[in-house]
Amino acid sequence: MKIEIRRAKPGDEKKTAAMINEGIKRKTWIYTNQDKIISEREVRKWRKKYKKNSNFILFIALDKNTGDVVGTGSFNLNKRKRVRHITSLGWGIRPGYEKKGIASKLIKKVLSEAKKRGIKKTEAEIVEKNIPSLKLAKKLGFKIEGKKEKAFMTDDGKLNDVYVVGKVLK
């Protein structure tokens, strides 16, 4: 399997949505904020976000054999002066591509880009039961900075605690 990690560009939005929709349909993305299938209309809106001058920075992992997007990693540039040095990260891996090192490579690329853009600290929120994401964050040097009780509701109505993890970029 040959994986390419690169900045998303206009034209990648349909394949990115397909990856997310697969995770939702297969119920492997139950601990993410994405809780509904992404419509064609929504996909068309994403094209603007994928332009180079956007504040939304998205990297994709692309399976060169199939052409499918198999992972994403992202952050937003913060325009507010006093917190412009901090950003929140998000990531996801297509079902069937987990535990292959793709997420590690993807997040390292995202962290490198954040540092280039002057970001000094990154954060993420991870549902307590999302053990793979928590292990990955710790492996990449994130530290647990706090816990938000009952901060995430799964589709079945169950409330889950959320860890806030952070990493200072040096």
N, C-alpha and C. Protein backbone atom coordinates (compact mmCIF):
# COMPACT_ATOMS: atom_id res chain seq x y z
N MET A 1 0.85 -1.17 0.00
CA MET A 1 0.00 0.00 0.00
C MET A 1 0.90 1.24 0.00
N LYS A 2 0.66 2.13 -0.94
CA LYS A 2 1.42 3.38 -1.04
C LYS A 2 0.49 4.52 -0.65
N ILE A 3 0.87 5.25 0.41
CA ILE A 3 0.07 6.35 0.92
C ILE A 3 0.80 7.66 0.68
N GLU A 4 0.09 8.62 0.13
CA GLU A 4 0.61 9.97 -0.06
C GLU A 4 -0.11 10.89 0.93
N ILE A 5 0.67 11.70 1.64
CA ILE A 5 0.07 12.68 2.54
C ILE A 5 0.36 14.06 1.97
N ARG A 6 -0.72 14.82 1.78
CA ARG A 6 -0.57 16.15 1.18
C ARG A 6 -1.71 17.05 1.62
N ARG A 7 -1.53 18.31 1.36
CA ARG A 7 -2.59 19.30 1.65
C ARG A 7 -3.76 19.02 0.71
N ALA A 8 -4.96 19.07 1.25
CA ALA A 8 -6.16 18.88 0.43
C ALA A 8 -6.31 20.07 -0.51
N LYS A 9 -6.89 19.80 -1.66
CA LYS A 9 -7.10 20.86 -2.65
C LYS A 9 -8.49 20.69 -3.26
N PRO A 10 -8.98 21.75 -3.90
CA PRO A 10 -10.28 21.61 -4.55
C PRO A 10 -10.29 20.39 -5.46
N GLY A 11 -11.33 19.61 -5.36
CA GLY A 11 -11.45 18.35 -6.08
C GLY A 11 -11.35 17.16 -5.16
N ASP A 12 -10.79 17.36 -3.95
CA ASP A 12 -10.66 16.28 -2.97
C ASP A 12 -11.90 16.13 -2.09
N GLU A 13 -12.81 17.07 -2.17
CA GLU A 13 -13.92 17.10 -1.21
C GLU A 13 -14.85 15.89 -1.31
N LYS A 14 -15.11 15.38 -2.50
CA LYS A 14 -16.01 14.23 -2.64
C LYS A 14 -15.40 12.97 -2.02
N LYS A 15 -14.11 12.77 -2.26
CA LYS A 15 -13.44 11.59 -1.70
C LYS A 15 -13.31 11.70 -0.18
N THR A 16 -13.13 12.92 0.31
CA THR A 16 -13.06 13.12 1.76
C THR A 16 -14.42 12.82 2.40
N ALA A 17 -15.48 13.32 1.78
CA ALA A 17 -16.83 13.05 2.28
C ALA A 17 -17.14 11.56 2.24
N ALA A 18 -16.70 10.88 1.19
CA ALA A 18 -16.94 9.43 1.07
C ALA A 18 -16.28 8.69 2.24
N MET A 19 -15.07 9.11 2.64
CA MET A 19 -14.39 8.48 3.76
C MET A 19 -15.18 8.69 5.05
N ILE A 20 -15.61 9.92 5.28
CA ILE A 20 -16.36 10.22 6.50
C ILE A 20 -17.70 9.48 6.50
N ASN A 21 -18.39 9.50 5.38
CA ASN A 21 -19.68 8.81 5.29
C ASN A 21 -19.54 7.31 5.54
N GLU A 22 -18.46 6.72 5.06
CA GLU A 22 -18.24 5.30 5.32
C GLU A 22 -18.06 5.05 6.81
N GLY A 23 -17.30 5.92 7.49
CA GLY A 23 -17.11 5.78 8.93
C GLY A 23 -18.42 5.89 9.70
N ILE A 24 -19.30 6.78 9.23
CA ILE A 24 -20.60 6.95 9.89
C ILE A 24 -21.48 5.72 9.64
N LYS A 25 -21.54 5.29 8.39
CA LYS A 25 -22.39 4.13 8.05
C LYS A 25 -21.94 2.87 8.78
N ARG A 26 -20.62 2.69 8.90
CA ARG A 26 -20.10 1.49 9.55
C ARG A 26 -20.03 1.63 11.06
N LYS A 27 -20.42 2.80 11.55
CA LYS A 27 -20.44 3.10 12.99
C LYS A 27 -19.07 2.98 13.65
N THR A 28 -18.03 3.29 12.90
CA THR A 28 -16.69 3.32 13.48
C THR A 28 -16.30 4.74 13.90
N TRP A 29 -17.12 5.72 13.54
CA TRP A 29 -16.85 7.11 13.89
C TRP A 29 -17.82 7.60 14.96
N ILE A 30 -18.21 6.74 15.88
CA ILE A 30 -19.22 7.11 16.87
C ILE A 30 -18.70 8.12 17.89
N TYR A 31 -17.39 8.30 17.99
CA TYR A 31 -16.83 9.24 18.95
C TYR A 31 -16.32 10.51 18.29
N THR A 32 -16.88 10.86 17.15
CA THR A 32 -16.51 12.10 16.46
C THR A 32 -17.69 13.06 16.48
N ASN A 33 -17.43 14.31 16.16
CA ASN A 33 -18.51 15.30 16.10
C ASN A 33 -19.35 15.16 14.84
N GLN A 34 -18.86 14.40 13.88
CA GLN A 34 -19.63 14.20 12.64
C GLN A 34 -20.69 13.15 12.91
N ASP A 35 -21.95 13.56 12.92
CA ASP A 35 -23.00 12.63 13.31
C ASP A 35 -24.03 12.36 12.22
N LYS A 36 -23.81 12.90 11.02
CA LYS A 36 -24.76 12.63 9.95
C LYS A 36 -24.02 12.52 8.62
N ILE A 37 -24.64 11.83 7.70
CA ILE A 37 -24.08 11.66 6.37
C ILE A 37 -23.93 13.03 5.71
N ILE A 38 -22.82 13.23 5.05
CA ILE A 38 -22.54 14.51 4.40
C ILE A 38 -23.22 14.52 3.04
N SER A 39 -24.04 15.54 2.82
CA SER A 39 -24.81 15.65 1.58
C SER A 39 -23.96 16.24 0.45
N GLU A 40 -24.44 16.07 -0.76
CA GLU A 40 -23.77 16.67 -1.93
C GLU A 40 -23.71 18.19 -1.79
N ARG A 41 -24.75 18.76 -1.26
CA ARG A 41 -24.78 20.22 -1.07
C ARG A 41 -23.66 20.68 -0.13
N GLU A 42 -23.49 19.96 0.96
CA GLU A 42 -22.43 20.28 1.92
C GLU A 42 -21.06 20.12 1.27
N VAL A 43 -20.89 19.08 0.49
CA VAL A 43 -19.62 18.83 -0.19
C VAL A 43 -19.26 20.02 -1.09
N ARG A 44 -20.24 20.56 -1.78
CA ARG A 44 -19.98 21.71 -2.67
C ARG A 44 -19.47 22.92 -1.87
N LYS A 45 -19.95 23.09 -0.65
CA LYS A 45 -19.50 24.19 0.21
C LYS A 45 -18.04 24.00 0.62
N TRP A 46 -17.61 22.75 0.76
CA TRP A 46 -16.25 22.47 1.20
C TRP A 46 -15.20 22.98 0.24
N ARG A 47 -15.51 23.05 -1.03
CA ARG A 47 -14.53 23.46 -2.04
C ARG A 47 -13.84 24.76 -1.65
N LYS A 48 -14.60 25.70 -1.10
CA LYS A 48 -14.03 26.99 -0.68
C LYS A 48 -13.00 26.79 0.44
N LYS A 49 -13.30 25.86 1.34
CA LYS A 49 -12.39 25.60 2.45
C LYS A 49 -11.07 25.00 1.99
N TYR A 50 -11.05 24.37 0.84
CA TYR A 50 -9.88 23.67 0.37
C TYR A 50 -8.91 24.56 -0.41
N LYS A 51 -9.28 25.82 -0.58
CA LYS A 51 -8.40 26.74 -1.30
C LYS A 51 -7.22 27.12 -0.41
N LYS A 52 -6.09 27.44 -1.02
CA LYS A 52 -4.86 27.71 -0.28
C LYS A 52 -4.98 28.85 0.73
N ASN A 53 -5.79 29.86 0.47
CA ASN A 53 -5.86 31.00 1.37
C ASN A 53 -6.89 30.83 2.49
N SER A 54 -7.42 29.66 2.64
CA SER A 54 -8.42 29.38 3.68
C SER A 54 -7.77 29.30 5.06
N ASN A 55 -8.53 29.63 6.10
CA ASN A 55 -8.06 29.47 7.48
C ASN A 55 -8.17 28.02 7.94
N PHE A 56 -8.85 27.20 7.16
CA PHE A 56 -9.01 25.78 7.47
C PHE A 56 -7.91 25.02 6.75
N ILE A 57 -7.03 24.38 7.50
CA ILE A 57 -5.90 23.66 6.93
C ILE A 57 -6.20 22.16 7.05
N LEU A 58 -6.33 21.51 5.91
CA LEU A 58 -6.66 20.09 5.88
C LEU A 58 -5.62 19.33 5.08
N PHE A 59 -5.10 18.29 5.69
CA PHE A 59 -4.23 17.35 5.00
C PHE A 59 -4.99 16.05 4.83
N ILE A 60 -4.70 15.37 3.73
CA ILE A 60 -5.33 14.08 3.48
C ILE A 60 -4.26 13.01 3.30
N ALA A 61 -4.64 11.79 3.62
CA ALA A 61 -3.83 10.62 3.29
C ALA A 61 -4.56 9.95 2.14
N LEU A 62 -3.86 9.77 1.05
CA LEU A 62 -4.44 9.25 -0.18
C LEU A 62 -3.82 7.90 -0.49
N ASP A 63 -4.66 6.88 -0.66
CA ASP A 63 -4.18 5.56 -1.07
C ASP A 63 -3.91 5.65 -2.57
N LYS A 64 -2.65 5.59 -2.95
CA LYS A 64 -2.27 5.76 -4.36
C LYS A 64 -2.77 4.61 -5.23
N ASN A 65 -3.01 3.45 -4.65
CA ASN A 65 -3.51 2.31 -5.43
C ASN A 65 -4.98 2.45 -5.80
N THR A 66 -5.78 2.97 -4.86
CA THR A 66 -7.22 3.07 -5.10
C THR A 66 -7.68 4.50 -5.43
N GLY A 67 -6.86 5.48 -5.06
CA GLY A 67 -7.25 6.87 -5.24
C GLY A 67 -8.16 7.38 -4.14
N ASP A 68 -8.43 6.55 -3.13
CA ASP A 68 -9.33 6.93 -2.04
C ASP A 68 -8.62 7.77 -0.99
N VAL A 69 -9.35 8.71 -0.39
CA VAL A 69 -8.89 9.40 0.80
C VAL A 69 -9.09 8.43 1.96
N VAL A 70 -8.01 8.16 2.69
CA VAL A 70 -8.07 7.18 3.78
C VAL A 70 -7.79 7.80 5.15
N GLY A 71 -7.53 9.10 5.16
CA GLY A 71 -7.31 9.77 6.43
C GLY A 71 -7.32 11.28 6.24
N THR A 72 -7.67 11.98 7.32
CA THR A 72 -7.62 13.43 7.32
C THR A 72 -7.04 13.93 8.63
N GLY A 73 -6.40 15.07 8.57
CA GLY A 73 -5.90 15.77 9.74
C GLY A 73 -6.05 17.26 9.48
N SER A 74 -6.56 18.00 10.45
CA SER A 74 -6.87 19.40 10.18
C SER A 74 -6.71 20.29 11.41
N PHE A 75 -6.64 21.60 11.12
CA PHE A 75 -6.72 22.62 12.15
C PHE A 75 -7.19 23.91 11.51
N ASN A 76 -7.66 24.82 12.35
CA ASN A 76 -8.09 26.14 11.90
C ASN A 76 -7.12 27.18 12.42
N LEU A 77 -6.81 28.15 11.59
CA LEU A 77 -6.01 29.28 12.05
C LEU A 77 -6.94 30.22 12.81
N ASN A 78 -6.50 30.63 13.96
CA ASN A 78 -7.30 31.49 14.83
C ASN A 78 -6.94 32.95 14.57
N LYS A 79 -7.89 33.77 14.27
CA LYS A 79 -7.65 35.19 13.97
C LYS A 79 -7.64 36.05 15.24
N ARG A 80 -8.17 35.55 16.33
CA ARG A 80 -8.23 36.34 17.55
C ARG A 80 -6.83 36.50 18.13
N LYS A 81 -6.43 37.74 18.34
CA LYS A 81 -5.05 38.09 18.66
C LYS A 81 -4.46 37.31 19.85
N ARG A 82 -5.16 37.26 20.93
CA ARG A 82 -4.59 36.67 22.15
C ARG A 82 -4.52 35.15 22.12
N VAL A 83 -5.21 34.52 21.19
CA VAL A 83 -5.18 33.06 21.11
C VAL A 83 -4.76 32.58 19.71
N ARG A 84 -4.17 33.45 18.92
CA ARG A 84 -3.79 33.07 17.56
C ARG A 84 -2.66 32.04 17.53
N HIS A 85 -2.01 31.83 18.65
CA HIS A 85 -0.90 30.87 18.74
C HIS A 85 -1.37 29.45 19.07
N ILE A 86 -2.67 29.27 19.28
CA ILE A 86 -3.23 27.97 19.66
C ILE A 86 -4.19 27.50 18.58
N THR A 87 -4.22 26.19 18.36
CA THR A 87 -5.21 25.64 17.44
C THR A 87 -5.70 24.29 17.94
N SER A 88 -6.87 23.91 17.50
CA SER A 88 -7.43 22.60 17.79
C SER A 88 -7.24 21.69 16.59
N LEU A 89 -6.78 20.49 16.85
CA LEU A 89 -6.58 19.50 15.79
C LEU A 89 -7.76 18.55 15.73
N GLY A 90 -7.96 18.01 14.55
CA GLY A 90 -8.92 16.94 14.36
C GLY A 90 -8.32 15.94 13.39
N TRP A 91 -8.67 14.67 13.53
CA TRP A 91 -8.17 13.66 12.61
C TRP A 91 -9.14 12.50 12.53
N GLY A 92 -9.02 11.75 11.46
CA GLY A 92 -9.85 10.57 11.27
C GLY A 92 -9.23 9.65 10.24
N ILE A 93 -9.48 8.36 10.39
CA ILE A 93 -8.94 7.35 9.48
C ILE A 93 -10.11 6.51 8.95
N ARG A 94 -10.06 6.22 7.67
CA ARG A 94 -11.10 5.42 7.01
C ARG A 94 -11.13 4.02 7.61
N PRO A 95 -12.32 3.47 7.82
CA PRO A 95 -12.41 2.09 8.33
C PRO A 95 -11.61 1.14 7.44
N GLY A 96 -10.85 0.27 8.10
CA GLY A 96 -10.01 -0.69 7.38
C GLY A 96 -8.57 -0.23 7.22
N TYR A 97 -8.31 1.04 7.50
CA TYR A 97 -6.96 1.58 7.37
C TYR A 97 -6.34 1.94 8.72
N GLU A 98 -7.05 1.61 9.80
CA GLU A 98 -6.54 1.89 11.13
C GLU A 98 -5.33 1.00 11.42
N LYS A 99 -4.52 1.46 12.35
CA LYS A 99 -3.37 0.70 12.88
C LYS A 99 -2.35 0.36 11.79
N LYS A 100 -2.17 1.25 10.84
CA LYS A 100 -1.17 1.06 9.78
C LYS A 100 -0.13 2.19 9.79
N GLY A 101 -0.19 3.06 10.82
CA GLY A 101 0.76 4.17 10.92
C GLY A 101 0.37 5.41 10.13
N ILE A 102 -0.77 5.35 9.47
CA ILE A 102 -1.21 6.48 8.64
C ILE A 102 -1.52 7.70 9.51
N ALA A 103 -2.24 7.49 10.59
CA ALA A 103 -2.62 8.62 11.45
C ALA A 103 -1.38 9.30 12.03
N SER A 104 -0.39 8.53 12.44
CA SER A 104 0.84 9.12 12.99
C SER A 104 1.52 10.02 11.97
N LYS A 105 1.68 9.51 10.76
CA LYS A 105 2.33 10.31 9.70
C LYS A 105 1.51 11.55 9.37
N LEU A 106 0.21 11.38 9.32
CA LEU A 106 -0.69 12.48 8.99
C LEU A 106 -0.62 13.58 10.06
N ILE A 107 -0.71 13.20 11.31
CA ILE A 107 -0.69 14.20 12.38
C ILE A 107 0.67 14.87 12.48
N LYS A 108 1.75 14.12 12.27
CA LYS A 108 3.08 14.75 12.26
C LYS A 108 3.17 15.81 11.18
N LYS A 109 2.60 15.54 10.01
CA LYS A 109 2.59 16.52 8.92
C LYS A 109 1.76 17.74 9.31
N VAL A 110 0.61 17.52 9.93
CA VAL A 110 -0.25 18.61 10.37
C VAL A 110 0.47 19.46 11.42
N LEU A 111 1.13 18.81 12.37
CA LEU A 111 1.86 19.54 13.41
C LEU A 111 3.01 20.36 12.81
N SER A 112 3.68 19.80 11.83
CA SER A 112 4.75 20.53 11.15
C SER A 112 4.22 21.78 10.46
N GLU A 113 3.09 21.65 9.79
CA GLU A 113 2.47 22.79 9.11
C GLU A 113 2.01 23.84 10.13
N ALA A 114 1.45 23.39 11.23
CA ALA A 114 1.00 24.33 12.27
C ALA A 114 2.19 25.13 12.80
N LYS A 115 3.29 24.45 13.04
CA LYS A 115 4.50 25.12 13.54
C LYS A 115 5.00 26.15 12.52
N LYS A 116 5.00 25.78 11.24
CA LYS A 116 5.43 26.72 10.20
C LYS A 116 4.58 27.98 10.18
N ARG A 117 3.33 27.84 10.58
CA ARG A 117 2.39 28.97 10.56
C ARG A 117 2.36 29.73 11.88
N GLY A 118 3.32 29.44 12.76
CA GLY A 118 3.43 30.19 14.00
C GLY A 118 2.62 29.66 15.16
N ILE A 119 2.03 28.51 15.00
CA ILE A 119 1.25 27.91 16.10
C ILE A 119 2.25 27.41 17.15
N LYS A 120 1.98 27.76 18.39
CA LYS A 120 2.85 27.36 19.51
C LYS A 120 2.27 26.21 20.32
N LYS A 121 0.95 26.03 20.22
CA LYS A 121 0.31 24.98 21.01
C LYS A 121 -0.87 24.40 20.24
N THR A 122 -0.99 23.09 20.31
CA THR A 122 -2.12 22.41 19.69
C THR A 122 -2.90 21.67 20.78
N GLU A 123 -4.19 21.55 20.53
CA GLU A 123 -5.06 20.85 21.46
C GLU A 123 -6.00 19.95 20.67
N ALA A 124 -6.56 18.99 21.37
CA ALA A 124 -7.59 18.13 20.79
C ALA A 124 -8.48 17.65 21.93
N GLU A 125 -9.71 17.33 21.59
CA GLU A 125 -10.62 16.73 22.55
C GLU A 125 -10.90 15.31 22.09
N ILE A 126 -10.74 14.36 23.01
CA ILE A 126 -10.88 12.95 22.67
C ILE A 126 -11.83 12.29 23.66
N VAL A 127 -12.87 11.66 23.14
CA VAL A 127 -13.82 10.95 23.99
C VAL A 127 -13.06 9.85 24.74
N GLU A 128 -13.32 9.76 26.02
CA GLU A 128 -12.61 8.82 26.90
C GLU A 128 -12.58 7.39 26.33
N LYS A 129 -13.65 6.96 25.70
CA LYS A 129 -13.72 5.59 25.18
C LYS A 129 -12.99 5.42 23.84
N ASN A 130 -12.51 6.49 23.26
CA ASN A 130 -11.79 6.42 21.99
C ASN A 130 -10.31 6.13 22.29
N ILE A 131 -10.06 4.92 22.76
CA ILE A 131 -8.73 4.51 23.20
C ILE A 131 -7.68 4.64 22.09
N PRO A 132 -7.96 4.24 20.84
CA PRO A 132 -6.94 4.39 19.80
C PRO A 132 -6.48 5.85 19.61
N SER A 133 -7.40 6.79 19.61
CA SER A 133 -7.01 8.20 19.44
C SER A 133 -6.24 8.70 20.66
N LEU A 134 -6.63 8.28 21.83
CA LEU A 134 -5.92 8.69 23.04
C LEU A 134 -4.50 8.14 23.05
N LYS A 135 -4.34 6.87 22.69
CA LYS A 135 -3.00 6.27 22.62
C LYS A 135 -2.14 6.98 21.58
N LEU A 136 -2.73 7.29 20.44
CA LEU A 136 -2.01 7.99 19.38
C LEU A 136 -1.54 9.36 19.85
N ALA A 137 -2.43 10.11 20.49
CA ALA A 137 -2.07 11.44 20.97
C ALA A 137 -0.91 11.36 21.97
N LYS A 138 -0.99 10.42 22.89
CA LYS A 138 0.09 10.26 23.88
C LYS A 138 1.40 9.88 23.19
N LYS A 139 1.34 8.99 22.22
CA LYS A 139 2.52 8.56 21.47
C LYS A 139 3.19 9.75 20.77
N LEU A 140 2.37 10.71 20.32
CA LEU A 140 2.89 11.87 19.61
C LEU A 140 3.24 13.04 20.53
N GLY A 141 3.23 12.79 21.83
CA GLY A 141 3.68 13.81 22.78
C GLY A 141 2.61 14.69 23.38
N PHE A 142 1.35 14.39 23.13
CA PHE A 142 0.28 15.16 23.76
C PHE A 142 0.14 14.71 25.21
N LYS A 143 -0.23 15.65 26.05
CA LYS A 143 -0.46 15.35 27.46
C LYS A 143 -1.92 15.64 27.79
N ILE A 144 -2.46 14.83 28.69
CA ILE A 144 -3.83 15.09 29.15
C ILE A 144 -3.79 16.33 30.04
N GLU A 145 -4.59 17.32 29.67
CA GLU A 145 -4.62 18.58 30.41
C GLU A 145 -5.89 18.74 31.24
N GLY A 146 -6.84 17.89 30.99
CA GLY A 146 -8.08 17.99 31.74
C GLY A 146 -9.11 17.00 31.23
N LYS A 147 -10.22 16.99 31.93
CA LYS A 147 -11.30 16.08 31.58
C LYS A 147 -12.62 16.84 31.71
N LYS A 148 -13.45 16.73 30.69
CA LYS A 148 -14.77 17.36 30.70
C LYS A 148 -15.79 16.25 30.93
N GLU A 149 -16.50 16.34 32.02
CA GLU A 149 -17.45 15.29 32.37
C GLU A 149 -18.72 15.39 31.53
N LYS A 150 -19.16 14.23 31.05
CA LYS A 150 -20.43 14.11 30.30
C LYS A 150 -20.51 15.14 29.16
N ALA A 151 -19.42 15.35 28.46
CA ALA A 151 -19.33 16.41 27.45
C ALA A 151 -19.64 15.94 26.03
N PHE A 152 -19.86 14.64 25.85
CA PHE A 152 -20.11 14.12 24.51
C PHE A 152 -21.24 13.09 24.58
N MET A 153 -22.23 13.28 23.69
CA MET A 153 -23.35 12.35 23.66
C MET A 153 -23.28 11.51 22.38
N THR A 154 -23.26 10.19 22.54
CA THR A 154 -23.30 9.31 21.38
C THR A 154 -24.72 9.22 20.85
N ASP A 155 -24.87 8.65 19.66
CA ASP A 155 -26.18 8.59 19.01
C ASP A 155 -27.23 7.86 19.84
N ASP A 156 -26.78 6.97 20.73
CA ASP A 156 -27.73 6.24 21.57
C ASP A 156 -28.09 7.00 22.84
N GLY A 157 -27.62 8.24 22.96
CA GLY A 157 -27.96 9.09 24.09
C GLY A 157 -27.06 8.96 25.30
N LYS A 158 -26.04 8.12 25.22
CA LYS A 158 -25.14 7.95 26.36
C LYS A 158 -24.15 9.11 26.43
N LEU A 159 -23.93 9.59 27.65
CA LEU A 159 -23.00 10.69 27.87
C LEU A 159 -21.62 10.14 28.20
N ASN A 160 -20.62 10.74 27.60
CA ASN A 160 -19.24 10.28 27.77
C ASN A 160 -18.35 11.43 28.20
N ASP A 161 -17.35 11.11 29.00
CA ASP A 161 -16.35 12.10 29.38
C ASP A 161 -15.39 12.32 28.21
N VAL A 162 -14.79 13.50 28.19
CA VAL A 162 -13.87 13.88 27.12
C VAL A 162 -12.57 14.36 27.73
N TYR A 163 -11.46 13.85 27.22
CA TYR A 163 -10.15 14.35 27.62
C TYR A 163 -9.76 15.52 26.73
N VAL A 164 -9.17 16.54 27.34
CA VAL A 164 -8.55 17.62 26.60
C VAL A 164 -7.06 17.32 26.64
N VAL A 165 -6.47 17.17 25.44
CA VAL A 165 -5.04 16.90 25.36
C VAL A 165 -4.37 18.08 24.66
N GLY A 166 -3.13 18.32 25.03
CA GLY A 166 -2.41 19.43 24.43
C GLY A 166 -0.95 19.09 24.20
N LYS A 167 -0.36 19.85 23.30
CA LYS A 167 1.06 19.67 22.98
C LYS A 167 1.64 21.05 22.64
N VAL A 168 2.74 21.39 23.31
CA VAL A 168 3.46 22.61 22.98
C VAL A 168 4.43 22.29 21.87
N LEU A 169 4.39 23.09 20.80
CA LEU A 169 5.28 22.86 19.66
C LEU A 169 6.60 23.59 19.90
N LYS A 170 7.69 22.86 19.77
CA LYS A 170 9.01 23.45 20.01
C LYS A 170 9.80 23.52 18.74
